[in-house]
Amino acid sequence: MAQKGLLIIVSAPSGAGKMTLLNKVQEQVGQFATTISATTRQPRVTEEDGREYYFLTRDDFEKRIAAREFVEWAEVHGNLYGTLACELERCLATGKDVILELDVQGMRSFKAIGRQGIYFFFLPPSLEELERRLRTRGANDEADLALRMKNAEAEMVAKDEYDYIIVNDDLDRAAAEMCAALTEERKKAAASA
């Protein structure tokens, strides 16, 4: 029987370095199957529909909510984000570990449907460093930056709802910490199989 992958839920405030950290972890443990979220926000210049996100109109997104096509969804920074059930099933069918990148609202709604998973929260070293990272990214105007900082403070309060909290202050150390946690979770899964 093939080894079944872990379902890993990852949350972090915008600008906490989530993608950088996940890329570093993948270098060490192999590729994850990563779901592609749907969103109503406009694509950034470098983004492509079906690669970073499925970019939907608000009307289409709301129709899919009504049709119960999402395993979780939330409104964040004025836009809708969610994970389509078909997308999660596509990734789970690979047998690889599956990464679901969710904000705190999404994590809570995902937990509420009773799916088992391993929950990681990535913290920035400080709010000052988070603001610096967001400014360096250059993708946010002042109003959006202020909203993201306010949301980050609210999201960080929820960190204790996660199984693992990793401070992303040193990339190598943070990646090693996540790799060690995944190794431990794989041992637990193998023992209970």
N, C-alpha and C. Protein backbone atom coordinates (compact mmCIF):
# COMPACT_ATOMS: atom_id res chain seq x y z
N MET A 1 0.85 -1.19 0.00
CA MET A 1 0.00 0.00 0.00
C MET A 1 0.89 1.25 0.00
N ALA A 2 0.57 2.21 -0.84
CA ALA A 2 1.38 3.43 -0.95
C ALA A 2 1.25 4.27 0.32
N GLN A 3 2.34 4.92 0.67
CA GLN A 3 2.35 5.83 1.81
C GLN A 3 1.43 7.01 1.51
N LYS A 4 0.54 7.30 2.42
CA LYS A 4 -0.35 8.44 2.26
C LYS A 4 0.36 9.68 2.79
N GLY A 5 0.26 10.78 2.04
CA GLY A 5 0.91 12.00 2.47
C GLY A 5 0.19 12.68 3.61
N LEU A 6 0.90 13.59 4.26
CA LEU A 6 0.32 14.40 5.34
C LEU A 6 -0.46 15.56 4.74
N LEU A 7 -1.49 16.01 5.43
CA LEU A 7 -2.22 17.22 5.07
C LEU A 7 -1.72 18.31 6.01
N ILE A 8 -1.02 19.29 5.45
CA ILE A 8 -0.34 20.32 6.23
C ILE A 8 -1.01 21.66 5.96
N ILE A 9 -1.49 22.29 7.02
CA ILE A 9 -2.14 23.60 6.90
C ILE A 9 -1.14 24.64 7.42
N VAL A 10 -0.88 25.65 6.60
CA VAL A 10 0.10 26.68 6.94
C VAL A 10 -0.58 28.04 6.90
N SER A 11 -0.38 28.81 7.96
CA SER A 11 -0.87 30.19 8.01
C SER A 11 0.26 31.11 8.43
N ALA A 12 0.17 32.34 7.97
CA ALA A 12 1.16 33.35 8.34
C ALA A 12 0.61 34.71 7.95
N PRO A 13 0.97 35.75 8.69
CA PRO A 13 0.59 37.09 8.26
C PRO A 13 1.24 37.40 6.91
N SER A 14 0.59 38.23 6.13
CA SER A 14 1.15 38.68 4.86
C SER A 14 2.52 39.30 5.10
N GLY A 15 3.55 38.80 4.39
CA GLY A 15 4.90 39.32 4.54
C GLY A 15 5.77 38.56 5.52
N ALA A 16 5.25 37.48 6.11
CA ALA A 16 6.03 36.73 7.10
C ALA A 16 7.05 35.79 6.46
N GLY A 17 7.04 35.69 5.14
CA GLY A 17 8.02 34.85 4.46
C GLY A 17 7.58 33.42 4.27
N LYS A 18 6.28 33.22 4.19
CA LYS A 18 5.71 31.87 4.08
C LYS A 18 6.24 31.11 2.86
N MET A 19 6.19 31.74 1.69
CA MET A 19 6.62 31.05 0.48
C MET A 19 8.13 30.77 0.49
N THR A 20 8.91 31.71 0.96
CA THR A 20 10.36 31.52 1.05
C THR A 20 10.68 30.33 1.96
N LEU A 21 10.00 30.27 3.10
CA LEU A 21 10.23 29.18 4.04
C LEU A 21 9.77 27.84 3.46
N LEU A 22 8.59 27.81 2.85
CA LEU A 22 8.11 26.56 2.26
C LEU A 22 9.02 26.08 1.13
N ASN A 23 9.53 27.00 0.33
CA ASN A 23 10.47 26.61 -0.73
C ASN A 23 11.74 26.00 -0.15
N LYS A 24 12.23 26.56 0.94
CA LYS A 24 13.43 26.03 1.60
C LYS A 24 13.16 24.64 2.16
N VAL A 25 12.00 24.44 2.77
CA VAL A 25 11.64 23.13 3.31
C VAL A 25 11.54 22.10 2.17
N GLN A 26 10.94 22.51 1.05
CA GLN A 26 10.82 21.58 -0.08
C GLN A 26 12.19 21.16 -0.63
N GLU A 27 13.18 22.03 -0.57
CA GLU A 27 14.53 21.66 -0.99
C GLU A 27 15.05 20.49 -0.17
N GLN A 28 14.62 20.40 1.09
CA GLN A 28 15.13 19.39 2.00
C GLN A 28 14.28 18.13 2.06
N VAL A 29 12.97 18.25 1.88
CA VAL A 29 12.09 17.08 2.05
C VAL A 29 11.43 16.62 0.76
N GLY A 30 11.64 17.33 -0.32
CA GLY A 30 10.98 16.97 -1.57
C GLY A 30 9.74 17.81 -1.80
N GLN A 31 9.19 17.65 -2.97
CA GLN A 31 8.06 18.49 -3.38
C GLN A 31 6.77 18.14 -2.64
N PHE A 32 6.04 19.16 -2.28
CA PHE A 32 4.71 19.02 -1.73
C PHE A 32 3.72 19.13 -2.89
N ALA A 33 2.56 18.58 -2.71
CA ALA A 33 1.45 18.89 -3.60
C ALA A 33 0.80 20.13 -2.99
N THR A 34 0.75 21.20 -3.73
CA THR A 34 0.24 22.46 -3.19
C THR A 34 -1.05 22.82 -3.89
N THR A 35 -2.09 23.02 -3.10
CA THR A 35 -3.36 23.43 -3.69
C THR A 35 -3.22 24.84 -4.23
N ILE A 36 -3.98 25.12 -5.25
CA ILE A 36 -4.05 26.47 -5.81
C ILE A 36 -5.36 27.06 -5.33
N SER A 37 -5.27 28.14 -4.57
CA SER A 37 -6.47 28.78 -4.04
C SER A 37 -7.18 29.59 -5.12
N ALA A 38 -8.44 29.82 -4.89
CA ALA A 38 -9.22 30.73 -5.73
C ALA A 38 -9.31 32.07 -5.02
N THR A 39 -9.36 33.15 -5.78
CA THR A 39 -9.49 34.48 -5.19
C THR A 39 -10.22 35.43 -6.13
N THR A 40 -10.78 36.47 -5.54
CA THR A 40 -11.42 37.52 -6.34
C THR A 40 -10.50 38.72 -6.53
N ARG A 41 -9.31 38.69 -5.92
CA ARG A 41 -8.42 39.84 -6.10
C ARG A 41 -7.82 39.81 -7.50
N GLN A 42 -7.35 40.97 -7.92
CA GLN A 42 -6.72 41.09 -9.24
C GLN A 42 -5.34 40.45 -9.21
N PRO A 43 -4.93 39.81 -10.31
CA PRO A 43 -3.59 39.22 -10.34
C PRO A 43 -2.50 40.30 -10.33
N ARG A 44 -1.38 39.98 -9.67
CA ARG A 44 -0.21 40.85 -9.75
C ARG A 44 0.44 40.62 -11.11
N VAL A 45 1.34 41.50 -11.48
CA VAL A 45 1.96 41.47 -12.81
C VAL A 45 2.58 40.11 -13.12
N THR A 46 3.21 39.49 -12.14
CA THR A 46 3.93 38.23 -12.39
C THR A 46 3.06 36.99 -12.22
N GLU A 47 1.79 37.17 -11.84
CA GLU A 47 0.93 36.02 -11.55
C GLU A 47 0.14 35.59 -12.78
N GLU A 48 -0.16 34.30 -12.81
CA GLU A 48 -0.88 33.70 -13.92
C GLU A 48 -2.03 32.86 -13.38
N ASP A 49 -3.20 32.97 -14.00
CA ASP A 49 -4.36 32.20 -13.59
C ASP A 49 -4.05 30.71 -13.68
N GLY A 50 -4.36 29.98 -12.60
CA GLY A 50 -4.11 28.55 -12.58
C GLY A 50 -2.72 28.18 -12.10
N ARG A 51 -1.86 29.17 -11.88
CA ARG A 51 -0.52 28.90 -11.36
C ARG A 51 -0.44 29.35 -9.90
N GLU A 52 -0.58 30.65 -9.64
CA GLU A 52 -0.57 31.14 -8.26
C GLU A 52 -1.96 31.03 -7.63
N TYR A 53 -2.97 31.40 -8.41
CA TYR A 53 -4.37 31.38 -7.96
C TYR A 53 -5.26 31.08 -9.16
N TYR A 54 -6.50 30.70 -8.84
CA TYR A 54 -7.58 30.74 -9.83
C TYR A 54 -8.26 32.09 -9.59
N PHE A 55 -8.14 32.99 -10.55
CA PHE A 55 -8.70 34.33 -10.40
C PHE A 55 -10.14 34.30 -10.90
N LEU A 56 -11.08 34.52 -9.97
CA LEU A 56 -12.51 34.45 -10.27
C LEU A 56 -13.15 35.81 -10.05
N THR A 57 -14.26 36.05 -10.74
CA THR A 57 -15.05 37.23 -10.43
C THR A 57 -15.76 36.98 -9.10
N ARG A 58 -16.16 38.04 -8.43
CA ARG A 58 -16.88 37.88 -7.17
C ARG A 58 -18.18 37.09 -7.40
N ASP A 59 -18.85 37.36 -8.51
CA ASP A 59 -20.10 36.65 -8.81
C ASP A 59 -19.86 35.15 -8.96
N ASP A 60 -18.84 34.77 -9.71
CA ASP A 60 -18.52 33.35 -9.90
C ASP A 60 -18.14 32.70 -8.57
N PHE A 61 -17.33 33.40 -7.78
CA PHE A 61 -16.91 32.88 -6.48
C PHE A 61 -18.13 32.63 -5.60
N GLU A 62 -19.03 33.61 -5.54
CA GLU A 62 -20.22 33.48 -4.69
C GLU A 62 -21.13 32.35 -5.17
N LYS A 63 -21.23 32.15 -6.47
CA LYS A 63 -22.01 31.01 -7.00
C LYS A 63 -21.40 29.69 -6.56
N ARG A 64 -20.08 29.62 -6.54
CA ARG A 64 -19.40 28.39 -6.12
C ARG A 64 -19.56 28.16 -4.62
N ILE A 65 -19.61 29.24 -3.84
CA ILE A 65 -19.90 29.09 -2.40
C ILE A 65 -21.29 28.48 -2.24
N ALA A 66 -22.26 29.05 -2.94
CA ALA A 66 -23.64 28.56 -2.84
C ALA A 66 -23.76 27.09 -3.27
N ALA A 67 -22.93 26.69 -4.23
CA ALA A 67 -22.94 25.30 -4.71
C ALA A 67 -22.09 24.38 -3.82
N ARG A 68 -21.54 24.92 -2.74
CA ARG A 68 -20.72 24.16 -1.78
C ARG A 68 -19.49 23.52 -2.44
N GLU A 69 -18.86 24.28 -3.32
CA GLU A 69 -17.68 23.78 -4.02
C GLU A 69 -16.38 24.05 -3.25
N PHE A 70 -16.45 24.80 -2.14
CA PHE A 70 -15.26 25.13 -1.36
C PHE A 70 -15.20 24.30 -0.07
N VAL A 71 -13.99 23.86 0.30
CA VAL A 71 -13.81 23.23 1.62
C VAL A 71 -13.59 24.30 2.68
N GLU A 72 -13.16 25.46 2.25
CA GLU A 72 -13.03 26.62 3.15
C GLU A 72 -12.96 27.86 2.28
N TRP A 73 -13.41 28.96 2.87
CA TRP A 73 -13.28 30.25 2.18
C TRP A 73 -13.40 31.35 3.23
N ALA A 74 -12.88 32.52 2.88
CA ALA A 74 -12.94 33.66 3.79
C ALA A 74 -12.76 34.94 2.99
N GLU A 75 -13.20 36.05 3.59
CA GLU A 75 -12.94 37.35 2.99
C GLU A 75 -11.76 37.97 3.73
N VAL A 76 -10.72 38.33 2.97
CA VAL A 76 -9.48 38.86 3.55
C VAL A 76 -9.06 40.07 2.73
N HIS A 77 -8.74 41.17 3.40
CA HIS A 77 -8.28 42.40 2.74
C HIS A 77 -9.28 42.82 1.65
N GLY A 78 -10.58 42.57 1.87
CA GLY A 78 -11.61 42.99 0.92
C GLY A 78 -11.81 42.06 -0.27
N ASN A 79 -11.10 40.94 -0.30
CA ASN A 79 -11.25 39.98 -1.39
C ASN A 79 -11.60 38.60 -0.82
N LEU A 80 -12.25 37.78 -1.63
CA LEU A 80 -12.58 36.42 -1.24
C LEU A 80 -11.44 35.48 -1.64
N TYR A 81 -11.13 34.54 -0.75
CA TYR A 81 -10.13 33.50 -0.99
C TYR A 81 -10.73 32.18 -0.55
N GLY A 82 -10.39 31.10 -1.23
CA GLY A 82 -10.90 29.81 -0.80
C GLY A 82 -10.20 28.65 -1.49
N THR A 83 -10.44 27.46 -0.94
CA THR A 83 -9.89 26.23 -1.50
C THR A 83 -11.04 25.40 -2.06
N LEU A 84 -10.98 25.15 -3.35
CA LEU A 84 -12.00 24.32 -3.99
C LEU A 84 -11.82 22.86 -3.58
N ALA A 85 -12.92 22.17 -3.30
CA ALA A 85 -12.86 20.76 -2.91
C ALA A 85 -12.17 19.92 -3.97
N CYS A 86 -12.45 20.20 -5.24
CA CYS A 86 -11.83 19.43 -6.33
C CYS A 86 -10.32 19.63 -6.35
N GLU A 87 -9.85 20.80 -5.98
CA GLU A 87 -8.41 21.09 -5.94
C GLU A 87 -7.75 20.32 -4.80
N LEU A 88 -8.38 20.28 -3.63
CA LEU A 88 -7.83 19.51 -2.51
C LEU A 88 -7.78 18.03 -2.86
N GLU A 89 -8.84 17.50 -3.45
CA GLU A 89 -8.87 16.09 -3.82
C GLU A 89 -7.81 15.76 -4.88
N ARG A 90 -7.58 16.67 -5.82
CA ARG A 90 -6.54 16.48 -6.84
C ARG A 90 -5.18 16.30 -6.18
N CYS A 91 -4.90 17.14 -5.21
CA CYS A 91 -3.60 17.08 -4.53
C CYS A 91 -3.48 15.84 -3.64
N LEU A 92 -4.53 15.50 -2.91
CA LEU A 92 -4.48 14.33 -2.05
C LEU A 92 -4.27 13.05 -2.85
N ALA A 93 -4.77 13.01 -4.07
CA ALA A 93 -4.64 11.82 -4.93
C ALA A 93 -3.19 11.56 -5.34
N THR A 94 -2.29 12.54 -5.19
CA THR A 94 -0.89 12.35 -5.58
C THR A 94 -0.13 11.46 -4.61
N GLY A 95 -0.62 11.32 -3.37
CA GLY A 95 0.11 10.56 -2.35
C GLY A 95 1.20 11.36 -1.67
N LYS A 96 1.47 12.58 -2.17
CA LYS A 96 2.49 13.45 -1.56
C LYS A 96 1.88 14.19 -0.37
N ASP A 97 2.76 14.78 0.44
CA ASP A 97 2.28 15.70 1.47
C ASP A 97 1.61 16.86 0.76
N VAL A 98 0.48 17.30 1.30
CA VAL A 98 -0.30 18.38 0.69
C VAL A 98 -0.23 19.61 1.59
N ILE A 99 0.11 20.74 0.98
CA ILE A 99 0.15 22.02 1.70
C ILE A 99 -1.11 22.81 1.36
N LEU A 100 -1.82 23.22 2.40
CA LEU A 100 -2.94 24.14 2.25
C LEU A 100 -2.52 25.45 2.91
N GLU A 101 -2.41 26.51 2.14
CA GLU A 101 -2.06 27.82 2.69
C GLU A 101 -3.35 28.56 3.01
N LEU A 102 -3.63 28.73 4.29
CA LEU A 102 -4.87 29.34 4.72
C LEU A 102 -4.60 30.49 5.68
N ASP A 103 -5.46 31.50 5.64
CA ASP A 103 -5.40 32.52 6.68
C ASP A 103 -6.11 31.94 7.90
N VAL A 104 -6.14 32.69 8.99
CA VAL A 104 -6.72 32.20 10.24
C VAL A 104 -8.20 31.85 10.06
N GLN A 105 -8.95 32.70 9.36
CA GLN A 105 -10.37 32.38 9.13
C GLN A 105 -10.53 31.07 8.38
N GLY A 106 -9.72 30.89 7.34
CA GLY A 106 -9.77 29.67 6.55
C GLY A 106 -9.41 28.45 7.37
N MET A 107 -8.39 28.58 8.22
CA MET A 107 -7.99 27.48 9.10
C MET A 107 -9.14 27.09 10.01
N ARG A 108 -9.79 28.09 10.58
CA ARG A 108 -10.91 27.78 11.50
C ARG A 108 -12.06 27.10 10.77
N SER A 109 -12.38 27.56 9.58
CA SER A 109 -13.48 26.93 8.86
C SER A 109 -13.08 25.53 8.40
N PHE A 110 -11.80 25.32 8.08
CA PHE A 110 -11.33 23.99 7.69
C PHE A 110 -11.39 23.04 8.88
N LYS A 111 -10.96 23.50 10.06
CA LYS A 111 -11.04 22.67 11.27
C LYS A 111 -12.49 22.32 11.58
N ALA A 112 -13.39 23.27 11.33
CA ALA A 112 -14.81 23.07 11.65
C ALA A 112 -15.45 21.95 10.85
N ILE A 113 -14.92 21.64 9.65
CA ILE A 113 -15.51 20.54 8.87
C ILE A 113 -14.94 19.20 9.29
N GLY A 114 -13.99 19.21 10.24
CA GLY A 114 -13.51 17.96 10.82
C GLY A 114 -12.40 17.25 10.07
N ARG A 115 -11.75 17.91 9.12
CA ARG A 115 -10.63 17.27 8.41
C ARG A 115 -9.40 17.26 9.31
N GLN A 116 -8.71 16.14 9.35
CA GLN A 116 -7.49 16.03 10.13
C GLN A 116 -6.33 16.67 9.36
N GLY A 117 -5.47 17.33 10.07
CA GLY A 117 -4.31 17.95 9.45
C GLY A 117 -3.30 18.34 10.51
N ILE A 118 -2.15 18.79 10.05
CA ILE A 118 -1.10 19.30 10.93
C ILE A 118 -1.01 20.79 10.66
N TYR A 119 -1.14 21.58 11.70
CA TYR A 119 -1.30 23.03 11.56
C TYR A 119 -0.03 23.77 11.98
N PHE A 120 0.53 24.56 11.04
CA PHE A 120 1.73 25.36 11.28
C PHE A 120 1.38 26.84 11.16
N PHE A 121 1.92 27.64 12.08
CA PHE A 121 1.79 29.09 12.00
C PHE A 121 3.18 29.68 11.94
N PHE A 122 3.46 30.49 10.90
CA PHE A 122 4.75 31.15 10.76
C PHE A 122 4.63 32.59 11.27
N LEU A 123 5.50 32.93 12.19
CA LEU A 123 5.53 34.28 12.75
C LEU A 123 6.71 35.06 12.18
N PRO A 124 6.53 36.36 11.95
CA PRO A 124 7.70 37.19 11.62
C PRO A 124 8.48 37.42 12.91
N PRO A 125 9.74 37.83 12.81
CA PRO A 125 10.53 38.09 14.02
C PRO A 125 9.92 39.20 14.88
N SER A 126 9.29 40.18 14.24
CA SER A 126 8.67 41.30 14.95
C SER A 126 7.70 42.00 13.99
N LEU A 127 6.84 42.83 14.52
CA LEU A 127 5.95 43.62 13.66
C LEU A 127 6.73 44.63 12.84
N GLU A 128 7.81 45.15 13.41
CA GLU A 128 8.64 46.11 12.68
C GLU A 128 9.28 45.44 11.45
N GLU A 129 9.77 44.22 11.64
CA GLU A 129 10.37 43.49 10.52
C GLU A 129 9.31 43.13 9.49
N LEU A 130 8.12 42.79 9.95
CA LEU A 130 7.02 42.48 9.03
C LEU A 130 6.71 43.70 8.16
N GLU A 131 6.61 44.87 8.77
CA GLU A 131 6.34 46.09 8.01
C GLU A 131 7.46 46.37 7.01
N ARG A 132 8.70 46.16 7.44
CA ARG A 132 9.84 46.38 6.54
C ARG A 132 9.74 45.44 5.32
N ARG A 133 9.40 44.17 5.57
CA ARG A 133 9.28 43.21 4.47
C ARG A 133 8.16 43.61 3.50
N LEU A 134 7.04 44.05 4.05
CA LEU A 134 5.92 44.46 3.19
C LEU A 134 6.30 45.68 2.36
N ARG A 135 7.01 46.62 2.97
CA ARG A 135 7.43 47.82 2.22
C ARG A 135 8.44 47.45 1.13
N THR A 136 9.36 46.55 1.44
CA THR A 136 10.38 46.12 0.47
C THR A 136 9.73 45.43 -0.72
N ARG A 137 8.66 44.70 -0.47
CA ARG A 137 7.95 44.00 -1.55
C ARG A 137 7.38 44.99 -2.56
N GLY A 138 7.00 46.18 -2.06
CA GLY A 138 6.55 47.25 -2.94
C GLY A 138 5.25 47.01 -3.66
N ALA A 139 4.45 46.07 -3.19
CA ALA A 139 3.19 45.73 -3.88
C ALA A 139 1.98 46.35 -3.20
N ASN A 140 2.19 47.12 -2.14
CA ASN A 140 1.07 47.63 -1.36
C ASN A 140 1.14 49.14 -1.19
N ASP A 141 0.01 49.82 -1.40
CA ASP A 141 -0.03 51.25 -1.09
C ASP A 141 -0.18 51.41 0.43
N GLU A 142 -0.14 52.65 0.91
CA GLU A 142 -0.16 52.89 2.37
C GLU A 142 -1.41 52.36 3.04
N ALA A 143 -2.57 52.52 2.39
CA ALA A 143 -3.82 52.04 2.99
C ALA A 143 -3.81 50.52 3.09
N ASP A 144 -3.35 49.84 2.05
CA ASP A 144 -3.29 48.39 2.05
C ASP A 144 -2.26 47.91 3.07
N LEU A 145 -1.14 48.61 3.15
CA LEU A 145 -0.11 48.25 4.13
C LEU A 145 -0.66 48.35 5.55
N ALA A 146 -1.39 49.44 5.84
CA ALA A 146 -1.97 49.61 7.17
C ALA A 146 -2.96 48.50 7.48
N LEU A 147 -3.78 48.11 6.50
CA LEU A 147 -4.75 47.03 6.68
C LEU A 147 -4.02 45.70 6.94
N ARG A 148 -2.97 45.42 6.18
CA ARG A 148 -2.22 44.18 6.36
C ARG A 148 -1.55 44.13 7.74
N MET A 149 -1.05 45.25 8.21
CA MET A 149 -0.42 45.29 9.53
C MET A 149 -1.47 45.07 10.63
N LYS A 150 -2.62 45.70 10.48
CA LYS A 150 -3.71 45.51 11.46
C LYS A 150 -4.14 44.05 11.47
N ASN A 151 -4.32 43.46 10.27
CA ASN A 151 -4.72 42.06 10.18
C ASN A 151 -3.65 41.13 10.75
N ALA A 152 -2.38 41.46 10.54
CA ALA A 152 -1.29 40.64 11.06
C ALA A 152 -1.35 40.55 12.58
N GLU A 153 -1.58 41.69 13.22
CA GLU A 153 -1.68 41.68 14.68
C GLU A 153 -2.82 40.79 15.14
N ALA A 154 -3.97 40.86 14.46
CA ALA A 154 -5.11 40.02 14.83
C ALA A 154 -4.82 38.54 14.56
N GLU A 155 -4.15 38.25 13.46
CA GLU A 155 -3.84 36.86 13.12
C GLU A 155 -2.86 36.24 14.11
N MET A 156 -1.88 37.02 14.55
CA MET A 156 -0.87 36.48 15.46
C MET A 156 -1.45 36.08 16.81
N VAL A 157 -2.58 36.67 17.20
CA VAL A 157 -3.25 36.30 18.43
C VAL A 157 -3.73 34.84 18.37
N ALA A 158 -4.01 34.35 17.16
CA ALA A 158 -4.54 32.99 16.97
C ALA A 158 -3.46 31.93 16.91
N LYS A 159 -2.21 32.28 17.07
CA LYS A 159 -1.11 31.33 16.87
C LYS A 159 -1.23 30.08 17.73
N ASP A 160 -1.83 30.19 18.92
CA ASP A 160 -1.94 29.04 19.81
C ASP A 160 -2.98 28.01 19.36
N GLU A 161 -3.72 28.32 18.29
CA GLU A 161 -4.67 27.36 17.73
C GLU A 161 -3.99 26.38 16.78
N TYR A 162 -2.69 26.51 16.60
CA TYR A 162 -1.91 25.70 15.68
C TYR A 162 -1.07 24.68 16.44
N ASP A 163 -0.69 23.59 15.77
CA ASP A 163 0.14 22.57 16.39
C ASP A 163 1.59 23.03 16.55
N TYR A 164 2.08 23.79 15.58
CA TYR A 164 3.47 24.24 15.57
C TYR A 164 3.52 25.73 15.25
N ILE A 165 4.35 26.45 16.01
CA ILE A 165 4.59 27.87 15.76
C ILE A 165 6.07 28.01 15.42
N ILE A 166 6.36 28.57 14.25
CA ILE A 166 7.73 28.73 13.81
C ILE A 166 8.00 30.21 13.55
N VAL A 167 8.99 30.75 14.24
CA VAL A 167 9.39 32.14 14.02
C VAL A 167 10.34 32.16 12.84
N ASN A 168 9.98 32.90 11.79
CA ASN A 168 10.79 32.96 10.58
C ASN A 168 11.77 34.13 10.67
N ASP A 169 12.74 33.98 11.58
CA ASP A 169 13.77 35.02 11.75
C ASP A 169 15.09 34.60 11.10
N ASP A 170 15.34 33.30 11.05
CA ASP A 170 16.52 32.75 10.40
C ASP A 170 16.01 31.62 9.51
N LEU A 171 16.14 31.78 8.21
CA LEU A 171 15.52 30.86 7.26
C LEU A 171 16.00 29.42 7.46
N ASP A 172 17.29 29.19 7.62
CA ASP A 172 17.80 27.83 7.77
C ASP A 172 17.28 27.18 9.05
N ARG A 173 17.27 27.93 10.15
CA ARG A 173 16.79 27.37 11.41
C ARG A 173 15.29 27.08 11.33
N ALA A 174 14.51 28.02 10.76
CA ALA A 174 13.07 27.83 10.65
C ALA A 174 12.74 26.61 9.77
N ALA A 175 13.47 26.46 8.66
CA ALA A 175 13.25 25.31 7.78
C ALA A 175 13.60 24.01 8.50
N ALA A 176 14.70 24.00 9.24
CA ALA A 176 15.09 22.80 9.99
C ALA A 176 14.04 22.44 11.02
N GLU A 177 13.47 23.46 11.67
CA GLU A 177 12.42 23.23 12.67
C GLU A 177 11.19 22.60 12.04
N MET A 178 10.79 23.10 10.87
CA MET A 178 9.62 22.53 10.20
C MET A 178 9.92 21.11 9.71
N CYS A 179 11.10 20.89 9.17
CA CYS A 179 11.48 19.55 8.69
C CYS A 179 11.45 18.54 9.84
N ALA A 180 11.95 18.94 11.01
CA ALA A 180 11.94 18.06 12.18
C ALA A 180 10.50 17.74 12.59
N ALA A 181 9.64 18.74 12.57
CA ALA A 181 8.23 18.52 12.92
C ALA A 181 7.57 17.56 11.92
N LEU A 182 7.85 17.72 10.64
CA LEU A 182 7.27 16.84 9.63
C LEU A 182 7.77 15.41 9.79
N THR A 183 9.05 15.24 10.11
CA THR A 183 9.61 13.91 10.36
C THR A 183 8.88 13.25 11.51
N GLU A 184 8.67 13.99 12.58
CA GLU A 184 7.96 13.47 13.76
C GLU A 184 6.51 13.10 13.41
N GLU A 185 5.84 13.95 12.63
CA GLU A 185 4.45 13.68 12.25
C GLU A 185 4.37 12.45 11.34
N ARG A 186 5.35 12.26 10.47
CA ARG A 186 5.36 11.06 9.60
C ARG A 186 5.53 9.79 10.46
N LYS A 187 6.37 9.86 11.49
CA LYS A 187 6.54 8.72 12.39
C LYS A 187 5.22 8.39 13.08
N LYS A 188 4.53 9.42 13.56
CA LYS A 188 3.23 9.21 14.23
C LYS A 188 2.23 8.59 13.26
N ALA A 189 2.19 9.09 12.02
CA ALA A 189 1.25 8.57 11.03
C ALA A 189 1.56 7.11 10.69
N ALA A 190 2.85 6.78 10.57
CA ALA A 190 3.24 5.41 10.24
C ALA A 190 2.89 4.46 11.40
N ALA A 191 3.05 4.94 12.62
CA ALA A 191 2.76 4.10 13.81
C ALA A 191 1.27 3.83 13.95
N SER A 192 0.44 4.79 13.51
CA SER A 192 -1.00 4.61 13.66
C SER A 192 -1.65 3.96 12.45
N ALA A 193 -0.87 3.72 11.37
CA ALA A 193 -1.42 3.12 10.15
C ALA A 193 -1.61 1.63 10.29
